[in-house]
Amino acid sequence: MHGTTETGTAARRRNKSHRIANRPPFECIALLLQGGGALGSYQAGVYEALAEAELHPDWIAGISIGAINSAIIAGNSPAERVSAVHILANLTLGLRKVVHDYLSRTTGS
């Protein structure tokens, strides 16, 4: 390294935010989202953090709820993606609560 300017990991570590100044020097950024119901809500938060850091994936794929989130991300403009995945996350959590409440009433557990 030439000069005294700090770059890379050390500079990012001291930064109070998860935002980074430049896109990493990767040829391609891929986001792979797995399935598993409740993970869909976590995936919304992960994508939000990536978007805030201005790390937009070149490729996105998933299975089950991850495929649905992948389709929502790929099918919306960058400005609308975060709110779209959060809408699905909120619907999913609401549906889980409704099903849980119904089962609690009908099965007594």
N, C-alpha and C. Protein backbone atom coordinates (compact mmCIF):
# COMPACT_ATOMS: atom_id res chain seq x y z
N MET A 1 0.84 -1.18 0.00
CA MET A 1 0.00 0.00 0.00
C MET A 1 0.88 1.23 0.00
N HIS A 2 0.49 2.22 -0.77
CA HIS A 2 1.22 3.46 -0.86
C HIS A 2 0.49 4.53 -0.06
N GLY A 3 1.24 5.43 0.59
CA GLY A 3 0.62 6.53 1.32
C GLY A 3 0.10 6.09 2.67
N THR A 4 -0.62 6.99 3.31
CA THR A 4 -1.12 6.71 4.66
C THR A 4 -2.63 6.60 4.69
N THR A 5 -3.28 6.65 3.56
CA THR A 5 -4.74 6.55 3.52
C THR A 5 -5.16 5.15 3.88
N GLU A 6 -6.13 5.05 4.78
CA GLU A 6 -6.62 3.75 5.21
C GLU A 6 -7.76 3.32 4.31
N THR A 7 -7.71 2.09 3.85
CA THR A 7 -8.77 1.58 2.98
C THR A 7 -9.16 0.19 3.44
N GLY A 8 -10.16 -0.33 2.81
CA GLY A 8 -10.54 -1.72 3.03
C GLY A 8 -11.22 -2.00 4.34
N THR A 9 -10.96 -3.19 4.87
CA THR A 9 -11.66 -3.71 6.04
C THR A 9 -11.49 -2.83 7.27
N ALA A 10 -10.30 -2.36 7.52
CA ALA A 10 -10.05 -1.55 8.73
C ALA A 10 -10.88 -0.27 8.70
N ALA A 11 -10.95 0.38 7.55
CA ALA A 11 -11.73 1.61 7.45
C ALA A 11 -13.22 1.33 7.63
N ARG A 12 -13.68 0.22 7.08
CA ARG A 12 -15.10 -0.12 7.22
C ARG A 12 -15.43 -0.49 8.66
N ARG A 13 -14.50 -1.15 9.36
CA ARG A 13 -14.74 -1.57 10.73
C ARG A 13 -14.99 -0.37 11.64
N ARG A 14 -14.28 0.71 11.44
CA ARG A 14 -14.45 1.89 12.28
C ARG A 14 -15.68 2.70 11.90
N ASN A 15 -16.21 2.50 10.72
CA ASN A 15 -17.40 3.22 10.28
C ASN A 15 -18.57 2.78 11.16
N LYS A 16 -19.34 3.71 11.69
CA LYS A 16 -20.45 3.40 12.60
C LYS A 16 -21.63 2.76 11.88
N SER A 17 -21.68 2.86 10.58
CA SER A 17 -22.80 2.36 9.79
C SER A 17 -22.37 1.11 9.02
N HIS A 18 -23.35 0.38 8.53
CA HIS A 18 -23.04 -0.77 7.69
C HIS A 18 -22.86 -0.34 6.23
N ARG A 19 -23.01 0.94 5.95
CA ARG A 19 -22.84 1.44 4.58
C ARG A 19 -21.36 1.46 4.20
N ILE A 20 -21.10 1.15 2.96
CA ILE A 20 -19.73 1.22 2.47
C ILE A 20 -19.67 2.21 1.32
N ALA A 21 -18.52 2.83 1.15
CA ALA A 21 -18.38 3.89 0.15
C ALA A 21 -18.46 3.35 -1.27
N ASN A 22 -17.83 2.24 -1.53
CA ASN A 22 -17.78 1.70 -2.89
C ASN A 22 -18.22 0.25 -2.90
N ARG A 23 -18.72 -0.15 -4.04
CA ARG A 23 -19.08 -1.56 -4.21
C ARG A 23 -17.81 -2.40 -4.12
N PRO A 24 -17.90 -3.55 -3.46
CA PRO A 24 -16.71 -4.42 -3.37
C PRO A 24 -16.21 -4.78 -4.77
N PRO A 25 -14.95 -5.10 -4.88
CA PRO A 25 -14.36 -5.38 -6.20
C PRO A 25 -14.69 -6.77 -6.73
N PHE A 26 -15.91 -7.22 -6.51
CA PHE A 26 -16.31 -8.52 -7.02
C PHE A 26 -16.84 -8.35 -8.44
N GLU A 27 -16.65 -9.38 -9.22
CA GLU A 27 -17.15 -9.36 -10.57
C GLU A 27 -18.68 -9.42 -10.58
N CYS A 28 -19.25 -10.12 -9.59
CA CYS A 28 -20.68 -10.34 -9.56
C CYS A 28 -21.12 -10.53 -8.11
N ILE A 29 -22.29 -9.99 -7.76
CA ILE A 29 -22.87 -10.22 -6.43
C ILE A 29 -24.12 -11.06 -6.63
N ALA A 30 -24.17 -12.20 -5.94
CA ALA A 30 -25.33 -13.09 -6.03
C ALA A 30 -25.98 -13.18 -4.65
N LEU A 31 -27.31 -13.20 -4.64
CA LEU A 31 -28.07 -13.36 -3.40
C LEU A 31 -28.89 -14.63 -3.54
N LEU A 32 -28.66 -15.59 -2.65
CA LEU A 32 -29.37 -16.86 -2.66
C LEU A 32 -30.21 -16.95 -1.39
N LEU A 33 -31.51 -17.11 -1.55
CA LEU A 33 -32.44 -17.13 -0.42
C LEU A 33 -33.05 -18.52 -0.29
N GLN A 34 -32.93 -19.09 0.91
CA GLN A 34 -33.46 -20.44 1.13
C GLN A 34 -34.92 -20.39 1.56
N GLY A 35 -35.51 -21.55 1.63
CA GLY A 35 -36.89 -21.66 2.06
C GLY A 35 -37.00 -21.85 3.56
N GLY A 36 -38.23 -21.83 4.04
CA GLY A 36 -38.46 -22.07 5.45
C GLY A 36 -39.35 -21.05 6.11
N GLY A 37 -40.48 -20.75 5.51
CA GLY A 37 -41.51 -19.93 6.14
C GLY A 37 -41.06 -18.64 6.78
N ALA A 38 -40.75 -18.70 8.07
CA ALA A 38 -40.41 -17.49 8.83
C ALA A 38 -39.14 -16.82 8.32
N LEU A 39 -38.30 -17.55 7.61
CA LEU A 39 -37.08 -16.94 7.07
C LEU A 39 -37.40 -15.82 6.10
N GLY A 40 -38.58 -15.83 5.52
CA GLY A 40 -38.96 -14.78 4.59
C GLY A 40 -38.89 -13.40 5.22
N SER A 41 -39.26 -13.30 6.48
CA SER A 41 -39.19 -12.02 7.19
C SER A 41 -37.75 -11.59 7.41
N TYR A 42 -36.90 -12.53 7.77
CA TYR A 42 -35.48 -12.22 7.95
C TYR A 42 -34.85 -11.79 6.62
N GLN A 43 -35.26 -12.46 5.54
CA GLN A 43 -34.74 -12.12 4.23
C GLN A 43 -35.07 -10.69 3.85
N ALA A 44 -36.25 -10.22 4.25
CA ALA A 44 -36.63 -8.83 3.97
C ALA A 44 -35.65 -7.88 4.66
N GLY A 45 -35.30 -8.18 5.90
CA GLY A 45 -34.34 -7.34 6.62
C GLY A 45 -32.95 -7.39 6.02
N VAL A 46 -32.53 -8.56 5.58
CA VAL A 46 -31.22 -8.70 4.95
C VAL A 46 -31.18 -7.89 3.66
N TYR A 47 -32.23 -8.01 2.85
CA TYR A 47 -32.24 -7.25 1.60
C TYR A 47 -32.25 -5.75 1.88
N GLU A 48 -32.99 -5.33 2.89
CA GLU A 48 -33.03 -3.91 3.24
C GLU A 48 -31.62 -3.41 3.60
N ALA A 49 -30.88 -4.18 4.40
CA ALA A 49 -29.52 -3.79 4.77
C ALA A 49 -28.61 -3.73 3.54
N LEU A 50 -28.75 -4.69 2.64
CA LEU A 50 -27.95 -4.67 1.41
C LEU A 50 -28.27 -3.44 0.57
N ALA A 51 -29.55 -3.12 0.45
CA ALA A 51 -29.97 -1.97 -0.34
C ALA A 51 -29.46 -0.67 0.28
N GLU A 52 -29.52 -0.57 1.60
CA GLU A 52 -29.02 0.63 2.28
C GLU A 52 -27.51 0.79 2.07
N ALA A 53 -26.81 -0.32 1.98
CA ALA A 53 -25.37 -0.29 1.73
C ALA A 53 -25.07 -0.15 0.24
N GLU A 54 -26.12 -0.03 -0.56
CA GLU A 54 -26.01 0.08 -2.01
C GLU A 54 -25.29 -1.10 -2.64
N LEU A 55 -25.57 -2.28 -2.08
CA LEU A 55 -25.09 -3.54 -2.64
C LEU A 55 -26.26 -4.24 -3.30
N HIS A 56 -26.39 -4.02 -4.58
CA HIS A 56 -27.51 -4.58 -5.33
C HIS A 56 -27.04 -5.83 -6.06
N PRO A 57 -27.70 -6.96 -5.82
CA PRO A 57 -27.24 -8.22 -6.44
C PRO A 57 -27.42 -8.19 -7.96
N ASP A 58 -26.44 -8.81 -8.63
CA ASP A 58 -26.54 -8.99 -10.08
C ASP A 58 -27.40 -10.21 -10.40
N TRP A 59 -27.37 -11.19 -9.51
CA TRP A 59 -28.14 -12.42 -9.64
C TRP A 59 -28.87 -12.66 -8.33
N ILE A 60 -30.09 -13.18 -8.45
CA ILE A 60 -30.86 -13.53 -7.25
C ILE A 60 -31.64 -14.80 -7.53
N ALA A 61 -31.64 -15.70 -6.57
CA ALA A 61 -32.35 -16.97 -6.72
C ALA A 61 -32.80 -17.44 -5.34
N GLY A 62 -33.79 -18.30 -5.32
CA GLY A 62 -34.26 -18.83 -4.05
C GLY A 62 -35.15 -20.03 -4.24
N ILE A 63 -35.50 -20.64 -3.11
CA ILE A 63 -36.42 -21.76 -3.11
C ILE A 63 -37.49 -21.50 -2.07
N SER A 64 -38.71 -21.91 -2.35
CA SER A 64 -39.84 -21.74 -1.44
C SER A 64 -40.05 -20.25 -1.14
N ILE A 65 -40.08 -19.84 0.13
CA ILE A 65 -40.29 -18.42 0.43
C ILE A 65 -39.16 -17.57 -0.15
N GLY A 66 -37.96 -18.16 -0.24
CA GLY A 66 -36.84 -17.44 -0.85
C GLY A 66 -37.08 -17.17 -2.33
N ALA A 67 -37.76 -18.08 -3.02
CA ALA A 67 -38.10 -17.87 -4.44
C ALA A 67 -39.13 -16.76 -4.58
N ILE A 68 -40.07 -16.72 -3.65
CA ILE A 68 -41.08 -15.66 -3.70
C ILE A 68 -40.41 -14.30 -3.46
N ASN A 69 -39.56 -14.22 -2.44
CA ASN A 69 -38.84 -12.97 -2.20
C ASN A 69 -37.94 -12.61 -3.37
N SER A 70 -37.29 -13.60 -3.97
CA SER A 70 -36.45 -13.35 -5.14
C SER A 70 -37.25 -12.76 -6.28
N ALA A 71 -38.44 -13.32 -6.52
CA ALA A 71 -39.30 -12.81 -7.59
C ALA A 71 -39.76 -11.38 -7.29
N ILE A 72 -40.07 -11.10 -6.03
CA ILE A 72 -40.49 -9.74 -5.66
C ILE A 72 -39.34 -8.76 -5.88
N ILE A 73 -38.14 -9.14 -5.47
CA ILE A 73 -36.98 -8.26 -5.63
C ILE A 73 -36.69 -8.04 -7.11
N ALA A 74 -36.66 -9.12 -7.88
CA ALA A 74 -36.35 -9.02 -9.30
C ALA A 74 -37.45 -8.31 -10.09
N GLY A 75 -38.68 -8.44 -9.63
CA GLY A 75 -39.81 -7.90 -10.38
C GLY A 75 -40.19 -6.46 -10.06
N ASN A 76 -39.47 -5.83 -9.15
CA ASN A 76 -39.76 -4.44 -8.79
C ASN A 76 -38.55 -3.57 -9.09
N SER A 77 -38.82 -2.29 -9.27
CA SER A 77 -37.71 -1.36 -9.49
C SER A 77 -36.91 -1.24 -8.20
N PRO A 78 -35.62 -0.89 -8.29
CA PRO A 78 -34.80 -0.79 -7.08
C PRO A 78 -35.42 0.10 -5.99
N ALA A 79 -36.12 1.13 -6.37
CA ALA A 79 -36.72 2.04 -5.39
C ALA A 79 -37.89 1.40 -4.63
N GLU A 80 -38.51 0.37 -5.21
CA GLU A 80 -39.69 -0.25 -4.61
C GLU A 80 -39.42 -1.60 -3.95
N ARG A 81 -38.24 -2.13 -4.12
CA ARG A 81 -37.95 -3.50 -3.66
C ARG A 81 -38.07 -3.68 -2.15
N VAL A 82 -37.49 -2.79 -1.38
CA VAL A 82 -37.49 -2.94 0.07
C VAL A 82 -38.92 -2.94 0.60
N SER A 83 -39.73 -1.99 0.16
CA SER A 83 -41.10 -1.94 0.66
C SER A 83 -41.89 -3.16 0.20
N ALA A 84 -41.61 -3.66 -1.01
CA ALA A 84 -42.34 -4.83 -1.51
C ALA A 84 -42.03 -6.08 -0.69
N VAL A 85 -40.75 -6.32 -0.35
CA VAL A 85 -40.44 -7.51 0.44
C VAL A 85 -40.97 -7.37 1.87
N HIS A 86 -41.02 -6.14 2.39
CA HIS A 86 -41.58 -5.95 3.73
C HIS A 86 -43.10 -6.17 3.74
N ILE A 87 -43.77 -5.82 2.67
CA ILE A 87 -45.21 -6.09 2.58
C ILE A 87 -45.46 -7.59 2.67
N LEU A 88 -44.69 -8.38 1.91
CA LEU A 88 -44.86 -9.84 1.98
C LEU A 88 -44.52 -10.36 3.37
N ALA A 89 -43.46 -9.84 3.98
CA ALA A 89 -43.08 -10.30 5.33
C ALA A 89 -44.21 -10.03 6.32
N ASN A 90 -44.80 -8.86 6.24
CA ASN A 90 -45.91 -8.53 7.16
C ASN A 90 -47.13 -9.40 6.90
N LEU A 91 -47.42 -9.68 5.63
CA LEU A 91 -48.54 -10.58 5.32
C LEU A 91 -48.28 -11.98 5.85
N THR A 92 -47.06 -12.45 5.68
CA THR A 92 -46.69 -13.79 6.15
C THR A 92 -46.82 -13.89 7.67
N LEU A 93 -46.31 -12.89 8.37
CA LEU A 93 -46.40 -12.91 9.84
C LEU A 93 -47.86 -12.83 10.30
N GLY A 94 -48.66 -12.00 9.63
CA GLY A 94 -50.08 -11.90 9.96
C GLY A 94 -50.81 -13.21 9.74
N LEU A 95 -50.50 -13.87 8.62
CA LEU A 95 -51.13 -15.15 8.32
C LEU A 95 -50.73 -16.21 9.34
N ARG A 96 -49.47 -16.23 9.73
CA ARG A 96 -49.02 -17.19 10.74
C ARG A 96 -49.77 -16.99 12.05
N LYS A 97 -50.01 -15.73 12.43
CA LYS A 97 -50.74 -15.44 13.66
C LYS A 97 -52.19 -15.91 13.56
N VAL A 98 -52.82 -15.67 12.43
CA VAL A 98 -54.20 -16.10 12.23
C VAL A 98 -54.31 -17.62 12.33
N VAL A 99 -53.40 -18.33 11.67
CA VAL A 99 -53.41 -19.79 11.70
C VAL A 99 -53.15 -20.29 13.13
N HIS A 100 -52.19 -19.69 13.81
CA HIS A 100 -51.88 -20.09 15.19
C HIS A 100 -53.10 -19.88 16.09
N ASP A 101 -53.74 -18.71 15.99
CA ASP A 101 -54.92 -18.42 16.81
C ASP A 101 -56.05 -19.41 16.52
N TYR A 102 -56.26 -19.71 15.24
CA TYR A 102 -57.31 -20.65 14.85
C TYR A 102 -57.03 -22.04 15.43
N LEU A 103 -55.79 -22.50 15.27
CA LEU A 103 -55.44 -23.82 15.79
C LEU A 103 -55.53 -23.87 17.30
N SER A 104 -55.18 -22.79 17.97
CA SER A 104 -55.28 -22.74 19.43
C SER A 104 -56.73 -22.89 19.89
N ARG A 105 -57.65 -22.24 19.15
CA ARG A 105 -59.07 -22.32 19.51
C ARG A 105 -59.66 -23.68 19.21
N THR A 106 -59.28 -24.27 18.09
CA THR A 106 -59.90 -25.53 17.65
C THR A 106 -59.29 -26.77 18.32
N THR A 107 -58.03 -26.68 18.70
CA THR A 107 -57.39 -27.86 19.29
C THR A 107 -57.22 -27.73 20.80
N GLY A 108 -57.45 -26.51 21.32
CA GLY A 108 -57.33 -26.30 22.75
C GLY A 108 -55.91 -26.21 23.25
N SER A 109 -54.94 -26.08 22.33
CA SER A 109 -53.54 -25.98 22.79
C SER A 109 -52.99 -24.59 22.64
